[in-house]
Amino acid sequence: MATHTGSAGVVKVGANTVAEVRNWSVDQSQDTVETTKLGDTVKTFKTTLSASSGTVDCFWDETDTTGQGAMTIGATVTLNLYPEGSDSGDTYYSGSAIVNSIGVAQAHDGLVERSFGFQVSGALTITTV
């Protein structure tokens, strides 16, 4: 069984690597509709629509114009999320993502951080480099 460390992860907007990424997450969900009818003794369901969304958290880097700077509120970007790195043979997630939230946080004893929330429009693909 293969395992990977989180430090190998990479985030790209298109072909451009996003600078100073601390972590990222993607969540996939599947809607269902109930198909139970009169006389049934257990509930039954069918799948309907699926969706994917997530976040990318970074240390703020205002010079990263093609990564962090490309993820403006409302922008649609090709987001590529690499959990094990971006070398040949590595698996990654890719999709057309709408940036639907941006947050900035700072503490007096830490670095300024940015958080980007996204909603994937269409299918999230899982493939290899």
N, C-alpha and C. Protein backbone atom coordinates (compact mmCIF):
# COMPACT_ATOMS: atom_id res chain seq x y z
N MET A 1 0.85 -1.18 0.00
CA MET A 1 0.00 0.00 0.00
C MET A 1 0.89 1.24 0.00
N ALA A 2 0.61 2.16 -0.91
CA ALA A 2 1.40 3.39 -1.01
C ALA A 2 0.82 4.47 -0.10
N THR A 3 1.70 5.18 0.56
CA THR A 3 1.30 6.35 1.35
C THR A 3 2.15 7.52 0.91
N HIS A 4 1.65 8.71 1.19
CA HIS A 4 2.33 9.92 0.74
C HIS A 4 2.31 10.96 1.85
N THR A 5 3.33 11.80 1.89
CA THR A 5 3.35 12.88 2.86
C THR A 5 2.71 14.12 2.25
N GLY A 6 2.06 14.89 3.06
CA GLY A 6 1.38 16.09 2.59
C GLY A 6 2.31 17.14 2.02
N SER A 7 3.57 17.12 2.42
CA SER A 7 4.50 18.13 1.94
C SER A 7 4.79 18.01 0.45
N ALA A 8 4.43 16.91 -0.18
CA ALA A 8 4.67 16.71 -1.61
C ALA A 8 3.59 17.35 -2.47
N GLY A 9 2.49 17.80 -1.88
CA GLY A 9 1.36 18.33 -2.63
C GLY A 9 1.69 19.60 -3.41
N VAL A 10 0.95 19.79 -4.50
CA VAL A 10 1.12 20.95 -5.38
C VAL A 10 -0.27 21.40 -5.83
N VAL A 11 -0.44 22.72 -6.00
CA VAL A 11 -1.66 23.27 -6.58
C VAL A 11 -1.26 24.11 -7.77
N LYS A 12 -1.98 23.93 -8.89
CA LYS A 12 -1.71 24.74 -10.08
C LYS A 12 -3.00 25.35 -10.59
N VAL A 13 -2.90 26.57 -11.07
CA VAL A 13 -3.97 27.22 -11.83
C VAL A 13 -3.53 27.10 -13.27
N GLY A 14 -4.20 26.22 -14.02
CA GLY A 14 -3.71 25.89 -15.35
C GLY A 14 -2.34 25.23 -15.20
N ALA A 15 -1.32 25.77 -15.88
CA ALA A 15 0.03 25.23 -15.79
C ALA A 15 0.88 25.96 -14.74
N ASN A 16 0.31 26.98 -14.08
CA ASN A 16 1.07 27.83 -13.15
C ASN A 16 0.94 27.34 -11.71
N THR A 17 2.06 27.07 -11.07
CA THR A 17 2.07 26.61 -9.69
C THR A 17 1.71 27.76 -8.75
N VAL A 18 0.80 27.50 -7.83
CA VAL A 18 0.40 28.49 -6.82
C VAL A 18 1.47 28.52 -5.74
N ALA A 19 1.93 29.72 -5.41
CA ALA A 19 3.01 29.88 -4.43
C ALA A 19 2.48 29.77 -3.00
N GLU A 20 3.35 29.29 -2.12
CA GLU A 20 3.14 29.33 -0.67
C GLU A 20 1.92 28.56 -0.18
N VAL A 21 1.55 27.48 -0.86
CA VAL A 21 0.38 26.68 -0.44
C VAL A 21 0.71 25.96 0.86
N ARG A 22 -0.19 26.08 1.82
CA ARG A 22 -0.06 25.39 3.11
C ARG A 22 -0.82 24.07 3.09
N ASN A 23 -2.02 24.10 2.53
CA ASN A 23 -2.84 22.90 2.44
C ASN A 23 -3.97 23.14 1.45
N TRP A 24 -4.56 22.05 1.02
CA TRP A 24 -5.74 22.14 0.17
C TRP A 24 -6.64 20.95 0.48
N SER A 25 -7.91 21.11 0.11
CA SER A 25 -8.85 20.00 0.28
C SER A 25 -9.86 20.05 -0.85
N VAL A 26 -10.38 18.90 -1.19
CA VAL A 26 -11.46 18.80 -2.16
C VAL A 26 -12.46 17.79 -1.62
N ASP A 27 -13.73 18.12 -1.72
CA ASP A 27 -14.80 17.24 -1.24
C ASP A 27 -15.72 16.93 -2.41
N GLN A 28 -16.02 15.66 -2.59
CA GLN A 28 -16.95 15.23 -3.61
C GLN A 28 -18.22 14.75 -2.92
N SER A 29 -19.36 15.11 -3.48
CA SER A 29 -20.64 14.68 -2.90
C SER A 29 -21.55 14.14 -4.00
N GLN A 30 -22.48 13.31 -3.59
CA GLN A 30 -23.43 12.70 -4.51
C GLN A 30 -24.83 12.88 -3.94
N ASP A 31 -25.70 13.57 -4.68
CA ASP A 31 -27.09 13.71 -4.27
C ASP A 31 -27.84 12.41 -4.54
N THR A 32 -28.87 12.19 -3.74
CA THR A 32 -29.73 11.04 -3.94
C THR A 32 -31.19 11.49 -3.86
N VAL A 33 -32.05 10.70 -4.44
CA VAL A 33 -33.48 10.95 -4.35
C VAL A 33 -34.14 9.66 -3.86
N GLU A 34 -35.08 9.82 -2.97
CA GLU A 34 -35.75 8.65 -2.41
C GLU A 34 -36.73 8.06 -3.42
N THR A 35 -36.71 6.72 -3.54
CA THR A 35 -37.60 6.01 -4.46
C THR A 35 -38.55 5.05 -3.75
N THR A 36 -38.65 5.20 -2.43
CA THR A 36 -39.52 4.34 -1.64
C THR A 36 -40.97 4.54 -2.05
N LYS A 37 -41.72 3.45 -2.15
CA LYS A 37 -43.14 3.56 -2.51
C LYS A 37 -44.00 2.86 -1.45
N LEU A 38 -45.29 3.08 -1.53
CA LEU A 38 -46.21 2.44 -0.58
C LEU A 38 -46.02 0.93 -0.58
N GLY A 39 -46.02 0.36 0.59
CA GLY A 39 -45.85 -1.09 0.74
C GLY A 39 -44.41 -1.51 0.99
N ASP A 40 -43.45 -0.65 0.69
CA ASP A 40 -42.05 -0.98 0.96
C ASP A 40 -41.80 -0.98 2.47
N THR A 41 -40.88 -1.80 2.92
CA THR A 41 -40.54 -1.85 4.34
C THR A 41 -39.18 -1.23 4.65
N VAL A 42 -38.45 -0.88 3.62
CA VAL A 42 -37.18 -0.17 3.78
C VAL A 42 -37.12 0.94 2.73
N LYS A 43 -36.38 1.99 3.04
CA LYS A 43 -36.22 3.07 2.09
C LYS A 43 -35.25 2.68 0.98
N THR A 44 -35.54 3.16 -0.23
CA THR A 44 -34.65 2.95 -1.36
C THR A 44 -34.33 4.30 -1.99
N PHE A 45 -33.17 4.36 -2.66
CA PHE A 45 -32.70 5.62 -3.22
C PHE A 45 -32.04 5.39 -4.58
N LYS A 46 -31.99 6.45 -5.37
CA LYS A 46 -31.22 6.48 -6.62
C LYS A 46 -30.32 7.71 -6.57
N THR A 47 -29.20 7.61 -7.26
CA THR A 47 -28.30 8.75 -7.34
C THR A 47 -28.81 9.74 -8.39
N THR A 48 -28.51 11.02 -8.16
CA THR A 48 -28.88 12.06 -9.12
C THR A 48 -27.62 12.82 -9.53
N LEU A 49 -27.35 13.95 -8.95
CA LEU A 49 -26.25 14.80 -9.37
C LEU A 49 -25.09 14.76 -8.38
N SER A 50 -23.87 14.89 -8.90
CA SER A 50 -22.70 14.95 -8.04
C SER A 50 -22.11 16.35 -8.11
N ALA A 51 -21.29 16.68 -7.13
CA ALA A 51 -20.65 18.00 -7.08
C ALA A 51 -19.32 17.88 -6.35
N SER A 52 -18.44 18.85 -6.60
CA SER A 52 -17.15 18.90 -5.91
C SER A 52 -16.86 20.34 -5.53
N SER A 53 -16.24 20.51 -4.36
CA SER A 53 -15.85 21.84 -3.90
C SER A 53 -14.67 21.67 -2.94
N GLY A 54 -14.04 22.79 -2.59
CA GLY A 54 -12.92 22.68 -1.67
C GLY A 54 -12.29 24.01 -1.35
N THR A 55 -11.08 23.94 -0.79
CA THR A 55 -10.35 25.14 -0.40
C THR A 55 -8.86 24.97 -0.70
N VAL A 56 -8.20 26.10 -0.88
CA VAL A 56 -6.74 26.16 -0.99
C VAL A 56 -6.30 27.23 0.00
N ASP A 57 -5.42 26.87 0.93
CA ASP A 57 -4.92 27.80 1.94
C ASP A 57 -3.44 28.08 1.68
N CYS A 58 -3.07 29.36 1.71
CA CYS A 58 -1.71 29.79 1.37
C CYS A 58 -1.22 30.83 2.36
N PHE A 59 0.11 31.00 2.40
CA PHE A 59 0.67 32.21 2.96
C PHE A 59 0.55 33.26 1.85
N TRP A 60 0.12 34.45 2.19
CA TRP A 60 -0.14 35.49 1.19
C TRP A 60 1.15 35.87 0.47
N ASP A 61 1.08 35.84 -0.87
CA ASP A 61 2.21 36.25 -1.72
C ASP A 61 1.64 37.10 -2.84
N GLU A 62 1.69 38.42 -2.65
CA GLU A 62 1.11 39.33 -3.64
C GLU A 62 1.88 39.35 -4.95
N THR A 63 3.09 38.77 -4.98
CA THR A 63 3.86 38.72 -6.23
C THR A 63 3.48 37.51 -7.09
N ASP A 64 2.68 36.60 -6.56
CA ASP A 64 2.25 35.41 -7.30
C ASP A 64 1.04 35.75 -8.17
N THR A 65 1.27 36.46 -9.25
CA THR A 65 0.18 36.97 -10.08
C THR A 65 -0.52 35.89 -10.91
N THR A 66 0.17 34.79 -11.22
CA THR A 66 -0.44 33.75 -12.06
C THR A 66 -1.02 32.60 -11.25
N GLY A 67 -0.79 32.60 -9.94
CA GLY A 67 -1.33 31.57 -9.06
C GLY A 67 -2.38 32.19 -8.14
N GLN A 68 -1.92 32.72 -6.98
CA GLN A 68 -2.85 33.37 -6.06
C GLN A 68 -3.58 34.53 -6.74
N GLY A 69 -2.86 35.31 -7.54
CA GLY A 69 -3.46 36.47 -8.20
C GLY A 69 -4.52 36.11 -9.22
N ALA A 70 -4.45 34.90 -9.79
CA ALA A 70 -5.45 34.47 -10.76
C ALA A 70 -6.76 34.03 -10.10
N MET A 71 -6.69 33.74 -8.80
CA MET A 71 -7.88 33.26 -8.09
C MET A 71 -8.61 34.44 -7.45
N THR A 72 -9.23 35.23 -8.29
CA THR A 72 -10.03 36.36 -7.81
C THR A 72 -11.47 35.90 -7.61
N ILE A 73 -12.20 36.61 -6.79
CA ILE A 73 -13.58 36.22 -6.50
C ILE A 73 -14.40 36.21 -7.80
N GLY A 74 -15.08 35.11 -8.05
CA GLY A 74 -15.89 34.96 -9.25
C GLY A 74 -15.15 34.43 -10.45
N ALA A 75 -13.82 34.33 -10.37
CA ALA A 75 -13.04 33.84 -11.51
C ALA A 75 -13.28 32.35 -11.72
N THR A 76 -13.27 31.93 -12.98
CA THR A 76 -13.30 30.52 -13.32
C THR A 76 -11.90 30.14 -13.78
N VAL A 77 -11.30 29.17 -13.11
CA VAL A 77 -9.93 28.75 -13.41
C VAL A 77 -9.89 27.24 -13.57
N THR A 78 -8.90 26.76 -14.31
CA THR A 78 -8.63 25.32 -14.33
C THR A 78 -7.75 25.03 -13.13
N LEU A 79 -8.30 24.32 -12.17
CA LEU A 79 -7.59 24.04 -10.93
C LEU A 79 -7.09 22.60 -10.96
N ASN A 80 -5.80 22.44 -10.71
CA ASN A 80 -5.17 21.12 -10.68
C ASN A 80 -4.58 20.90 -9.29
N LEU A 81 -5.02 19.84 -8.63
CA LEU A 81 -4.63 19.54 -7.25
C LEU A 81 -3.87 18.22 -7.22
N TYR A 82 -2.60 18.31 -6.82
CA TYR A 82 -1.70 17.16 -6.84
C TYR A 82 -1.40 16.72 -5.40
N PRO A 83 -1.97 15.62 -4.93
CA PRO A 83 -1.71 15.21 -3.56
C PRO A 83 -0.33 14.60 -3.35
N GLU A 84 0.27 14.03 -4.38
CA GLU A 84 1.55 13.34 -4.22
C GLU A 84 2.68 13.97 -5.02
N GLY A 85 2.48 15.18 -5.54
CA GLY A 85 3.47 15.84 -6.37
C GLY A 85 3.01 15.86 -7.82
N SER A 86 3.81 16.48 -8.67
CA SER A 86 3.42 16.64 -10.07
C SER A 86 4.43 16.00 -11.02
N ASP A 87 5.04 14.89 -10.58
CA ASP A 87 5.97 14.15 -11.43
C ASP A 87 5.21 13.16 -12.30
N SER A 88 5.84 12.70 -13.36
CA SER A 88 5.23 11.73 -14.25
C SER A 88 4.72 10.52 -13.46
N GLY A 89 3.47 10.13 -13.71
CA GLY A 89 2.86 9.00 -13.03
C GLY A 89 2.09 9.36 -11.78
N ASP A 90 2.22 10.60 -11.28
CA ASP A 90 1.50 11.03 -10.08
C ASP A 90 0.02 11.30 -10.40
N THR A 91 -0.85 10.95 -9.47
CA THR A 91 -2.28 11.17 -9.62
C THR A 91 -2.63 12.60 -9.23
N TYR A 92 -3.59 13.20 -9.95
CA TYR A 92 -4.07 14.52 -9.57
C TYR A 92 -5.54 14.71 -9.93
N TYR A 93 -6.15 15.71 -9.30
CA TYR A 93 -7.54 16.09 -9.53
C TYR A 93 -7.54 17.35 -10.38
N SER A 94 -8.47 17.44 -11.33
CA SER A 94 -8.54 18.61 -12.20
C SER A 94 -9.99 18.96 -12.50
N GLY A 95 -10.27 20.26 -12.55
CA GLY A 95 -11.61 20.69 -12.89
C GLY A 95 -11.69 22.18 -13.13
N SER A 96 -12.77 22.59 -13.74
CA SER A 96 -13.06 24.01 -13.93
C SER A 96 -13.69 24.51 -12.64
N ALA A 97 -12.97 25.39 -11.94
CA ALA A 97 -13.40 25.81 -10.61
C ALA A 97 -13.76 27.29 -10.58
N ILE A 98 -14.86 27.60 -9.94
CA ILE A 98 -15.27 28.98 -9.72
C ILE A 98 -14.83 29.37 -8.31
N VAL A 99 -14.04 30.43 -8.20
CA VAL A 99 -13.60 30.90 -6.89
C VAL A 99 -14.79 31.61 -6.25
N ASN A 100 -15.32 31.03 -5.17
CA ASN A 100 -16.53 31.59 -4.56
C ASN A 100 -16.29 32.21 -3.18
N SER A 101 -15.06 32.14 -2.69
CA SER A 101 -14.75 32.85 -1.44
C SER A 101 -13.24 33.07 -1.34
N ILE A 102 -12.88 34.19 -0.74
CA ILE A 102 -11.49 34.50 -0.45
C ILE A 102 -11.44 35.09 0.95
N GLY A 103 -10.53 34.58 1.76
CA GLY A 103 -10.37 35.10 3.10
C GLY A 103 -8.92 35.49 3.33
N VAL A 104 -8.72 36.45 4.19
CA VAL A 104 -7.38 36.86 4.61
C VAL A 104 -7.37 36.86 6.13
N ALA A 105 -6.31 36.28 6.71
CA ALA A 105 -6.19 36.23 8.16
C ALA A 105 -4.76 36.54 8.55
N GLN A 106 -4.64 37.19 9.71
CA GLN A 106 -3.30 37.47 10.21
C GLN A 106 -3.34 37.49 11.72
N ALA A 107 -2.22 37.10 12.30
CA ALA A 107 -2.04 37.15 13.74
C ALA A 107 -0.74 37.90 14.01
N HIS A 108 -0.64 38.55 15.15
CA HIS A 108 0.56 39.34 15.43
C HIS A 108 1.83 38.49 15.50
N ASP A 109 1.67 37.19 15.73
CA ASP A 109 2.85 36.32 15.83
C ASP A 109 2.92 35.29 14.70
N GLY A 110 2.30 35.62 13.56
CA GLY A 110 2.30 34.67 12.44
C GLY A 110 2.40 35.38 11.11
N LEU A 111 2.26 34.62 10.05
CA LEU A 111 2.29 35.16 8.70
C LEU A 111 0.87 35.45 8.22
N VAL A 112 0.74 36.36 7.28
CA VAL A 112 -0.56 36.65 6.67
C VAL A 112 -0.94 35.44 5.80
N GLU A 113 -2.17 35.00 5.95
CA GLU A 113 -2.65 33.84 5.22
C GLU A 113 -3.84 34.20 4.35
N ARG A 114 -3.99 33.45 3.24
CA ARG A 114 -5.14 33.60 2.35
C ARG A 114 -5.81 32.25 2.20
N SER A 115 -7.12 32.28 2.09
CA SER A 115 -7.89 31.07 1.88
C SER A 115 -8.79 31.28 0.68
N PHE A 116 -8.77 30.34 -0.25
CA PHE A 116 -9.59 30.41 -1.45
C PHE A 116 -10.58 29.25 -1.44
N GLY A 117 -11.88 29.55 -1.49
CA GLY A 117 -12.90 28.52 -1.61
C GLY A 117 -13.31 28.39 -3.06
N PHE A 118 -13.61 27.18 -3.48
CA PHE A 118 -14.01 26.98 -4.88
C PHE A 118 -15.11 25.95 -5.02
N GLN A 119 -15.87 26.10 -6.09
CA GLN A 119 -16.91 25.16 -6.49
C GLN A 119 -16.55 24.68 -7.89
N VAL A 120 -16.45 23.37 -8.08
CA VAL A 120 -16.14 22.83 -9.40
C VAL A 120 -17.41 22.88 -10.24
N SER A 121 -17.28 23.40 -11.46
CA SER A 121 -18.39 23.42 -12.41
C SER A 121 -18.18 22.29 -13.40
N GLY A 122 -19.05 21.31 -13.34
CA GLY A 122 -18.88 20.11 -14.17
C GLY A 122 -18.17 19.02 -13.39
N ALA A 123 -17.57 18.11 -14.13
CA ALA A 123 -16.94 16.94 -13.50
C ALA A 123 -15.55 17.26 -13.00
N LEU A 124 -15.20 16.66 -11.88
CA LEU A 124 -13.84 16.67 -11.37
C LEU A 124 -13.18 15.40 -11.90
N THR A 125 -12.09 15.55 -12.63
CA THR A 125 -11.44 14.37 -13.18
C THR A 125 -10.26 13.98 -12.29
N ILE A 126 -10.00 12.69 -12.25
CA ILE A 126 -8.86 12.15 -11.53
C ILE A 126 -8.02 11.41 -12.57
N THR A 127 -6.79 11.86 -12.74
CA THR A 127 -5.93 11.30 -13.77
C THR A 127 -4.50 11.29 -13.30
N THR A 128 -3.56 10.93 -14.17
CA THR A 128 -2.16 10.94 -13.81
C THR A 128 -1.38 11.88 -14.71
N VAL A 129 -0.27 12.39 -14.19
CA VAL A 129 0.61 13.28 -14.93
C VAL A 129 1.23 12.50 -16.08
